[in-house]
Amino acid sequence: MRQIVLDTETTGLEPQQGHRIIEIGAVELIGRQLSGRQLHRYLNPDRAIDEGALEVHGITREFLEDKPRFADVYKEFLDFIEGAELIIHNADFDISFFDHELGRLEESPVSRVKDHCSKITDSLELARRMHPGQRSSLDALCKRYDIDNSARKHHGALLDAEILAEVYLAMTGGQGDLGIDNLRASTSISAKKGSRVKKRGPFKVIRASLEERERHEEQIRHIDEKSQGRCLWLSLRGNQAVESKG
């Protein structure tokens, strides 16, 4: 199963008003493990950036002056997502921008992203279904799933895609599938990043007191009487005793 976790930064909120994509960030999951492959491109939008958008991502027009345009990288983008399931937080927003960019091209094999991938999953909608009535922003989900997002001073497409990958895996099956060893060994992703899941100390073992053990034995005997000698716990205990003698 191939999945692409994707994010963008833009000059503003409405592609219909001429706003453009200025950053693409995407990471690949294979079998629910980070493969180490990524796509990261800054893009020259050939237009001004709204002040509100600049406050969110901090990417200036001057920084983008020497960057390629979407027309220069769209084939690379389409190759990267081809046939994969796309996982995007608030997918309608990002997809509307990609479709707008594809529509501006003189020649393109597709005019809509959904015609080039197998499926689009909106992690925002997924979070709202799983946690109704609760905040479902990426920051809120990081807090809920104990994922470190302290490096997220500004929104950034690649960083947000990496964080979203961890959030999505936590929401849909736990962090055991992250494949952090593969991530750290990758030459395309810094070994310093690794997992953002906070490290926990060893679990504290709390042993039952003598009184608690006696009450437990009393309850087991009561269950055995009520079940007419069919208490599974006692039968398992008996089997273990036989095995240890053997």
C-alpha atoms as a PDB file:
ATOM      1  CA  MET A   1       0.000   0.000   0.000  1.00  0.00           C
ATOM      2  CA  ARG A   2       1.538   3.299  -1.136  1.00  0.00           C
ATOM      3  CA  GLN A   3       0.402   6.522   0.504  1.00  0.00           C
ATOM      4  CA  ILE A   4       1.592  10.097   0.056  1.00  0.00           C
ATOM      5  CA  VAL A   5       1.148  12.555   2.917  1.00  0.00           C
ATOM      6  CA  LEU A   6       0.944  15.974   1.317  1.00  0.00           C
ATOM      7  CA  ASP A   7       0.851  19.640   2.290  1.00  0.00           C
ATOM      8  CA  THR A   8       1.188  23.006   0.570  1.00  0.00           C
ATOM      9  CA  GLU A   9       1.770  26.663   1.372  1.00  0.00           C
ATOM     10  CA  THR A  10       0.146  29.331  -0.789  1.00  0.00           C
ATOM     11  CA  THR A  11       0.071  33.067  -1.465  1.00  0.00           C
ATOM     12  CA  GLY A  12      -3.474  33.320  -0.136  1.00  0.00           C
ATOM     13  CA  LEU A  13      -6.718  31.454   0.406  1.00  0.00           C
ATOM     14  CA  GLU A  14      -8.521  31.498  -2.955  1.00  0.00           C
ATOM     15  CA  PRO A  15      -7.079  30.055  -6.181  1.00  0.00           C
ATOM     16  CA  GLN A  16     -10.027  31.605  -8.041  1.00  0.00           C
ATOM     17  CA  GLN A  17      -8.604  34.991  -7.064  1.00  0.00           C
ATOM     18  CA  GLY A  18      -5.264  34.131  -8.637  1.00  0.00           C
ATOM     19  CA  HIS A  19      -3.493  32.806  -5.579  1.00  0.00           C
ATOM     20  CA  ARG A  20      -0.767  30.239  -6.198  1.00  0.00           C
ATOM     21  CA  ILE A  21       1.116  27.403  -4.548  1.00  0.00           C
ATOM     22  CA  ILE A  22       4.538  28.457  -3.235  1.00  0.00           C
ATOM     23  CA  GLU A  23       5.635  25.281  -1.427  1.00  0.00           C
ATOM     24  CA  ILE A  24       4.943  21.564  -1.871  1.00  0.00           C
ATOM     25  CA  GLY A  25       5.925  19.050   0.801  1.00  0.00           C
ATOM     26  CA  ALA A  26       5.204  15.324   0.595  1.00  0.00           C
ATOM     27  CA  VAL A  27       6.462  12.137   2.246  1.00  0.00           C
ATOM     28  CA  GLU A  28       5.881   8.556   1.138  1.00  0.00           C
ATOM     29  CA  LEU A  29       4.475   5.714   3.221  1.00  0.00           C
ATOM     30  CA  ILE A  30       4.875   2.133   2.033  1.00  0.00           C
ATOM     31  CA  GLY A  31       2.911  -0.421   4.026  1.00  0.00           C
ATOM     32  CA  ARG A  32       2.361   2.235   6.747  1.00  0.00           C
ATOM     33  CA  GLN A  33       6.090   2.887   7.089  1.00  0.00           C
ATOM     34  CA  LEU A  34       7.972   6.023   6.122  1.00  0.00           C
ATOM     35  CA  SER A  35      10.063   4.973   3.134  1.00  0.00           C
ATOM     36  CA  GLY A  36      12.448   7.951   3.246  1.00  0.00           C
ATOM     37  CA  ARG A  37      11.296   9.265  -0.141  1.00  0.00           C
ATOM     38  CA  GLN A  38      10.055  12.820  -0.156  1.00  0.00           C
ATOM     39  CA  LEU A  39       9.201  15.658  -2.490  1.00  0.00           C
ATOM     40  CA  HIS A  40       9.946  19.224  -1.448  1.00  0.00           C
ATOM     41  CA  ARG A  41       9.836  22.238  -3.743  1.00  0.00           C
ATOM     42  CA  TYR A  42       9.530  25.991  -3.292  1.00  0.00           C
ATOM     43  CA  LEU A  43       7.817  27.717  -6.211  1.00  0.00           C
ATOM     44  CA  ASN A  44       7.903  31.198  -7.690  1.00  0.00           C
ATOM     45  CA  PRO A  45       4.253  32.378  -7.829  1.00  0.00           C
ATOM     46  CA  ASP A  46       4.872  35.442 -10.031  1.00  0.00           C
ATOM     47  CA  ARG A  47       2.640  37.470  -7.746  1.00  0.00           C
ATOM     48  CA  ALA A  48       2.528  39.100  -4.315  1.00  0.00           C
ATOM     49  CA  ILE A  49       1.905  37.130  -1.123  1.00  0.00           C
ATOM     50  CA  ASP A  50      -0.980  38.176   1.111  1.00  0.00           C
ATOM     51  CA  GLU A  51       0.071  39.597   4.461  1.00  0.00           C
ATOM     52  CA  GLY A  52      -2.073  37.066   6.316  1.00  0.00           C
ATOM     53  CA  ALA A  53      -0.469  34.155   4.470  1.00  0.00           C
ATOM     54  CA  LEU A  54       3.012  35.570   5.116  1.00  0.00           C
ATOM     55  CA  GLU A  55       2.289  35.636   8.850  1.00  0.00           C
ATOM     56  CA  VAL A  56       1.364  31.934   8.706  1.00  0.00           C
ATOM     57  CA  HIS A  57       4.296  30.515   6.735  1.00  0.00           C
ATOM     58  CA  GLY A  58       6.929  33.283   6.710  1.00  0.00           C
ATOM     59  CA  ILE A  59       7.896  32.659   3.054  1.00  0.00           C
ATOM     60  CA  THR A  60       8.703  35.947   1.320  1.00  0.00           C
ATOM     61  CA  ARG A  61       8.400  36.944  -2.337  1.00  0.00           C
ATOM     62  CA  GLU A  62      12.120  37.764  -2.368  1.00  0.00           C
ATOM     63  CA  PHE A  63      13.015  34.233  -1.211  1.00  0.00           C
ATOM     64  CA  LEU A  64      10.985  32.746  -4.069  1.00  0.00           C
ATOM     65  CA  GLU A  65      12.357  34.924  -6.882  1.00  0.00           C
ATOM     66  CA  ASP A  66      14.924  32.357  -8.065  1.00  0.00           C
ATOM     67  CA  LYS A  67      12.747  29.276  -7.470  1.00  0.00           C
ATOM     68  CA  PRO A  68      11.160  27.194 -10.271  1.00  0.00           C
ATOM     69  CA  ARG A  69       7.542  27.639 -11.298  1.00  0.00           C
ATOM     70  CA  PHE A  70       4.820  25.015 -11.028  1.00  0.00           C
ATOM     71  CA  ALA A  71       5.101  24.403 -14.773  1.00  0.00           C
ATOM     72  CA  ASP A  72       8.717  23.359 -14.188  1.00  0.00           C
ATOM     73  CA  VAL A  73       7.932  20.744 -11.515  1.00  0.00           C
ATOM     74  CA  TYR A  74       4.436  19.458 -12.268  1.00  0.00           C
ATOM     75  CA  LYS A  75       5.679  16.298 -14.019  1.00  0.00           C
ATOM     76  CA  GLU A  76       7.836  15.459 -11.010  1.00  0.00           C
ATOM     77  CA  PHE A  77       4.843  16.053  -8.746  1.00  0.00           C
ATOM     78  CA  LEU A  78       2.516  13.862 -10.822  1.00  0.00           C
ATOM     79  CA  ASP A  79       5.111  11.086 -10.988  1.00  0.00           C
ATOM     80  CA  PHE A  80       5.494  11.173  -7.208  1.00  0.00           C
ATOM     81  CA  ILE A  81       1.763  10.850  -6.457  1.00  0.00           C
ATOM     82  CA  GLU A  82       0.810   8.540  -9.325  1.00  0.00           C
ATOM     83  CA  GLY A  83      -1.449   5.704  -8.209  1.00  0.00           C
ATOM     84  CA  ALA A  84      -1.037   6.488  -4.497  1.00  0.00           C
ATOM     85  CA  GLU A  85      -3.546   7.349  -1.822  1.00  0.00           C
ATOM     86  CA  LEU A  86      -3.123  11.008  -0.860  1.00  0.00           C
ATOM     87  CA  ILE A  87      -3.479  11.965   2.800  1.00  0.00           C
ATOM     88  CA  ILE A  88      -4.074  15.691   3.244  1.00  0.00           C
ATOM     89  CA  HIS A  89      -5.318  17.768   6.189  1.00  0.00           C
ATOM     90  CA  ASN A  90      -8.224  19.826   4.839  1.00  0.00           C
ATOM     91  CA  ALA A  91      -7.830  18.182   1.445  1.00  0.00           C
ATOM     92  CA  ASP A  92     -10.316  20.374  -0.440  1.00  0.00           C
ATOM     93  CA  PHE A  93      -8.081  23.396   0.082  1.00  0.00           C
ATOM     94  CA  ASP A  94      -4.873  21.833  -1.271  1.00  0.00           C
ATOM     95  CA  ILE A  95      -6.584  19.929  -4.078  1.00  0.00           C
ATOM     96  CA  SER A  96      -8.346  23.075  -5.303  1.00  0.00           C
ATOM     97  CA  PHE A  97      -4.954  24.779  -5.639  1.00  0.00           C
ATOM     98  CA  PHE A  98      -3.372  21.834  -7.458  1.00  0.00           C
ATOM     99  CA  ASP A  99      -6.315  21.582  -9.851  1.00  0.00           C
ATOM    100  CA  HIS A 100      -6.065  25.329 -10.483  1.00  0.00           C
ATOM    101  CA  GLU A 101      -2.333  25.048 -11.186  1.00  0.00           C
ATOM    102  CA  LEU A 102      -2.876  22.099 -13.551  1.00  0.00           C
ATOM    103  CA  GLY A 103      -5.587  24.071 -15.333  1.00  0.00           C
ATOM    104  CA  ARG A 104      -3.166  26.919 -16.000  1.00  0.00           C
ATOM    105  CA  LEU A 105      -0.743  24.678 -17.886  1.00  0.00           C
ATOM    106  CA  GLU A 106      -0.726  24.706 -21.678  1.00  0.00           C
ATOM    107  CA  GLU A 107      -0.170  20.957 -21.730  1.00  0.00           C
ATOM    108  CA  SER A 108      -0.867  18.495 -18.926  1.00  0.00           C
ATOM    109  CA  PRO A 109      -1.776  14.788 -18.931  1.00  0.00           C
ATOM    110  CA  VAL A 110      -4.436  15.420 -16.259  1.00  0.00           C
ATOM    111  CA  SER A 111      -6.549  18.388 -15.224  1.00  0.00           C
ATOM    112  CA  ARG A 112      -7.545  17.057 -11.794  1.00  0.00           C
ATOM    113  CA  VAL A 113      -5.383  15.478  -9.111  1.00  0.00           C
ATOM    114  CA  LYS A 114      -8.026  12.848  -8.301  1.00  0.00           C
ATOM    115  CA  ASP A 115      -7.628  11.424 -11.816  1.00  0.00           C
ATOM    116  CA  HIS A 116      -3.958  10.686 -11.111  1.00  0.00           C
ATOM    117  CA  CYS A 117      -4.109   9.080  -7.677  1.00  0.00           C
ATOM    118  CA  SER A 118      -6.019   6.114  -6.282  1.00  0.00           C
ATOM    119  CA  LYS A 119      -7.783   7.934  -3.448  1.00  0.00           C
ATOM    120  CA  ILE A 120      -7.805  11.182  -1.480  1.00  0.00           C
ATOM    121  CA  THR A 121      -8.181  10.909   2.297  1.00  0.00           C
ATOM    122  CA  ASP A 122      -8.926  14.054   4.282  1.00  0.00           C
ATOM    123  CA  SER A 123      -7.304  13.597   7.695  1.00  0.00           C
ATOM    124  CA  LEU A 124      -9.249  16.608   9.005  1.00  0.00           C
ATOM    125  CA  GLU A 125     -12.572  14.918   8.256  1.00  0.00           C
ATOM    126  CA  LEU A 126     -11.231  11.681   9.717  1.00  0.00           C
ATOM    127  CA  ALA A 127     -10.251  13.462  12.938  1.00  0.00           C
ATOM    128  CA  ARG A 128     -13.670  15.134  13.189  1.00  0.00           C
ATOM    129  CA  ARG A 129     -15.399  11.757  12.894  1.00  0.00           C
ATOM    130  CA  MET A 130     -13.103  10.191  15.482  1.00  0.00           C
ATOM    131  CA  HIS A 131     -13.235  13.129  17.930  1.00  0.00           C
ATOM    132  CA  PRO A 132     -16.600  14.890  17.426  1.00  0.00           C
ATOM    133  CA  GLY A 133     -16.886  18.275  19.048  1.00  0.00           C
ATOM    134  CA  GLN A 134     -13.141  18.568  19.656  1.00  0.00           C
ATOM    135  CA  ARG A 135     -10.497  20.659  17.937  1.00  0.00           C
ATOM    136  CA  SER A 136      -8.987  18.895  14.935  1.00  0.00           C
ATOM    137  CA  SER A 137      -6.188  21.206  13.838  1.00  0.00           C
ATOM    138  CA  LEU A 138      -2.789  19.614  13.313  1.00  0.00           C
ATOM    139  CA  ASP A 139      -1.486  21.235  16.509  1.00  0.00           C
ATOM    140  CA  ALA A 140      -4.481  19.961  18.491  1.00  0.00           C
ATOM    141  CA  LEU A 141      -3.990  16.434  17.144  1.00  0.00           C
ATOM    142  CA  CYS A 142      -0.298  16.528  18.024  1.00  0.00           C
ATOM    143  CA  LYS A 143      -1.271  17.335  21.588  1.00  0.00           C
ATOM    144  CA  ARG A 144      -3.938  14.621  21.651  1.00  0.00           C
ATOM    145  CA  TYR A 145      -1.564  11.936  20.342  1.00  0.00           C
ATOM    146  CA  ASP A 146       1.498  13.174  22.262  1.00  0.00           C
ATOM    147  CA  ILE A 147       3.520  14.030  19.136  1.00  0.00           C
ATOM    148  CA  ASP A 148       6.253  16.667  19.406  1.00  0.00           C
ATOM    149  CA  ASN A 149       5.581  19.644  17.129  1.00  0.00           C
ATOM    150  CA  SER A 150       7.881  22.094  18.909  1.00  0.00           C
ATOM    151  CA  ALA A 151       9.781  22.759  15.655  1.00  0.00           C
ATOM    152  CA  ARG A 152       6.603  24.145  14.067  1.00  0.00           C
ATOM    153  CA  LYS A 153       7.226  27.858  14.632  1.00  0.00           C
ATOM    154  CA  HIS A 154       5.754  28.613  11.195  1.00  0.00           C
ATOM    155  CA  HIS A 155       3.716  26.429   8.894  1.00  0.00           C
ATOM    156  CA  GLY A 156       5.997  24.653   6.426  1.00  0.00           C
ATOM    157  CA  ALA A 157       4.804  22.162   3.829  1.00  0.00           C
ATOM    158  CA  LEU A 158       7.454  19.481   4.346  1.00  0.00           C
ATOM    159  CA  LEU A 159       7.541  19.736   8.139  1.00  0.00           C
ATOM    160  CA  ASP A 160       3.746  19.657   8.298  1.00  0.00           C
ATOM    161  CA  ALA A 161       3.633  16.633   5.983  1.00  0.00           C
ATOM    162  CA  GLU A 162       6.096  14.777   8.231  1.00  0.00           C
ATOM    163  CA  ILE A 163       4.107  15.656  11.353  1.00  0.00           C
ATOM    164  CA  LEU A 164       0.822  14.748   9.654  1.00  0.00           C
ATOM    165  CA  ALA A 165       2.252  11.336   8.712  1.00  0.00           C
ATOM    166  CA  GLU A 166       2.862  10.610  12.391  1.00  0.00           C
ATOM    167  CA  VAL A 167      -0.550  11.948  13.398  1.00  0.00           C
ATOM    168  CA  TYR A 168      -2.308   9.899  10.702  1.00  0.00           C
ATOM    169  CA  LEU A 169      -0.539   6.682  11.722  1.00  0.00           C
ATOM    170  CA  ALA A 170      -1.404   7.351  15.369  1.00  0.00           C
ATOM    171  CA  MET A 171      -5.063   7.938  14.482  1.00  0.00           C
ATOM    172  CA  THR A 172      -5.357   4.842  12.317  1.00  0.00           C
ATOM    173  CA  GLY A 173      -3.374   2.178  14.091  1.00  0.00           C
ATOM    174  CA  GLY A 174      -0.678   3.447  16.403  1.00  0.00           C
ATOM    175  CA  GLN A 175       2.931   4.479  16.184  1.00  0.00           C
ATOM    176  CA  GLY A 176       4.269   0.948  15.864  1.00  0.00           C
ATOM    177  CA  ASP A 177       4.079   1.220  12.094  1.00  0.00           C
ATOM    178  CA  LEU A 178       6.246   4.311  11.720  1.00  0.00           C
ATOM    179  CA  GLY A 179       9.405   2.590  10.536  1.00  0.00           C
ATOM    180  CA  ILE A 180      11.665   5.099  12.243  1.00  0.00           C
ATOM    181  CA  ASP A 181      14.782   3.026  11.505  1.00  0.00           C
ATOM    182  CA  ASN A 182      14.111   3.453   7.791  1.00  0.00           C
ATOM    183  CA  LEU A 183      13.555   7.168   8.276  1.00  0.00           C
ATOM    184  CA  ARG A 184      16.826   7.691  10.125  1.00  0.00           C
ATOM    185  CA  ALA A 185      18.790   5.658   7.589  1.00  0.00           C
ATOM    186  CA  SER A 186      17.410   7.662   4.674  1.00  0.00           C
ATOM    187  CA  THR A 187      19.731  10.050   2.867  1.00  0.00           C
ATOM    188  CA  SER A 188      16.823  12.296   1.894  1.00  0.00           C
ATOM    189  CA  ILE A 189      15.573  12.968   5.426  1.00  0.00           C
ATOM    190  CA  SER A 190      17.840  14.207   8.172  1.00  0.00           C
ATOM    191  CA  ALA A 191      18.762  11.590  10.748  1.00  0.00           C
ATOM    192  CA  LYS A 192      18.251  14.228  13.412  1.00  0.00           C
ATOM    193  CA  LYS A 193      14.491  14.257  12.961  1.00  0.00           C
ATOM    194  CA  GLY A 194      13.422  10.683  13.603  1.00  0.00           C
ATOM    195  CA  SER A 195      10.128  10.259  15.396  1.00  0.00           C
ATOM    196  CA  ARG A 196       8.482  13.173  17.155  1.00  0.00           C
ATOM    197  CA  VAL A 197       6.698  10.860  19.561  1.00  0.00           C
ATOM    198  CA  LYS A 198       7.814  11.901  23.018  1.00  0.00           C
ATOM    199  CA  LYS A 199      10.038   9.436  24.874  1.00  0.00           C
ATOM    200  CA  ARG A 200       8.594   7.916  28.034  1.00  0.00           C
ATOM    201  CA  GLY A 201      10.443   6.369  30.939  1.00  0.00           C
ATOM    202  CA  PRO A 202       9.994   2.726  32.015  1.00  0.00           C
ATOM    203  CA  PHE A 203       6.577   1.774  33.335  1.00  0.00           C
ATOM    204  CA  LYS A 204       6.303   1.602  37.117  1.00  0.00           C
ATOM    205  CA  VAL A 205       5.350  -1.888  38.350  1.00  0.00           C
ATOM    206  CA  ILE A 206       2.793  -1.772  41.187  1.00  0.00           C
ATOM    207  CA  ARG A 207       2.548  -5.121  42.944  1.00  0.00           C
ATOM    208  CA  ALA A 208      -0.581  -6.319  44.718  1.00  0.00           C
ATOM    209  CA  SER A 209      -0.560  -6.314  48.513  1.00  0.00           C
ATOM    210  CA  LEU A 210      -1.197  -9.452  50.565  1.00  0.00           C
ATOM    211  CA  GLU A 211      -4.761  -8.280  51.292  1.00  0.00           C
ATOM    212  CA  GLU A 212      -5.412  -7.689  47.590  1.00  0.00           C
ATOM    213  CA  ARG A 213      -4.082 -11.145  46.673  1.00  0.00           C
ATOM    214  CA  GLU A 214      -6.300 -12.771  49.285  1.00  0.00           C
ATOM    215  CA  ARG A 215      -9.366 -10.906  47.983  1.00  0.00           C
ATOM    216  CA  HIS A 216      -8.437 -11.980  44.469  1.00  0.00           C
ATOM    217  CA  GLU A 217      -8.286 -15.641  45.507  1.00  0.00           C
ATOM    218  CA  GLU A 218     -11.648 -15.313  47.255  1.00  0.00           C
ATOM    219  CA  GLN A 219     -13.200 -13.854  44.102  1.00  0.00           C
ATOM    220  CA  ILE A 220     -11.719 -16.670  41.956  1.00  0.00           C
ATOM    221  CA  ARG A 221     -13.228 -19.292  44.283  1.00  0.00           C
ATOM    222  CA  HIS A 222     -16.595 -17.534  44.108  1.00  0.00           C
ATOM    223  CA  ILE A 223     -16.484 -17.529  40.284  1.00  0.00           C
ATOM    224  CA  ASP A 224     -15.555 -21.211  40.273  1.00  0.00           C
ATOM    225  CA  GLU A 225     -18.500 -22.079  42.498  1.00  0.00           C
ATOM    226  CA  LYS A 226     -20.965 -20.097  40.386  1.00  0.00           C
ATOM    227  CA  SER A 227     -19.668 -21.679  37.168  1.00  0.00           C
ATOM    228  CA  GLN A 228     -19.792 -25.179  38.647  1.00  0.00           C
ATOM    229  CA  GLY A 229     -16.056 -25.733  38.408  1.00  0.00           C
ATOM    230  CA  ARG A 230     -15.585 -24.143  34.993  1.00  0.00           C
ATOM    231  CA  CYS A 231     -13.484 -21.136  36.014  1.00  0.00           C
ATOM    232  CA  LEU A 232     -11.043 -20.624  33.152  1.00  0.00           C
ATOM    233  CA  TRP A 233      -8.524 -18.836  35.351  1.00  0.00           C
ATOM    234  CA  LEU A 234      -8.171 -21.859  37.657  1.00  0.00           C
ATOM    235  CA  SER A 235      -7.920 -24.283  34.740  1.00  0.00           C
ATOM    236  CA  LEU A 236      -5.150 -22.222  33.147  1.00  0.00           C
ATOM    237  CA  ARG A 237      -3.365 -22.019  36.484  1.00  0.00           C
ATOM    238  CA  GLY A 238      -3.587 -25.809  36.777  1.00  0.00           C
ATOM    239  CA  ASN A 239      -2.207 -26.336  33.286  1.00  0.00           C
ATOM    240  CA  GLN A 240       0.714 -24.015  34.007  1.00  0.00           C
ATOM    241  CA  ALA A 241       1.478 -25.953  37.200  1.00  0.00           C
ATOM    242  CA  VAL A 242       1.492 -29.266  35.293  1.00  0.00           C
ATOM    243  CA  GLU A 243       3.754 -27.816  32.586  1.00  0.00           C
ATOM    244  CA  SER A 244       6.212 -26.459  35.137  1.00  0.00           C
ATOM    245  CA  LYS A 245       6.472 -29.882  36.819  1.00  0.00           C
ATOM    246  CA  GLY A 246       6.968 -31.555  33.440  1.00  0.00           C
END
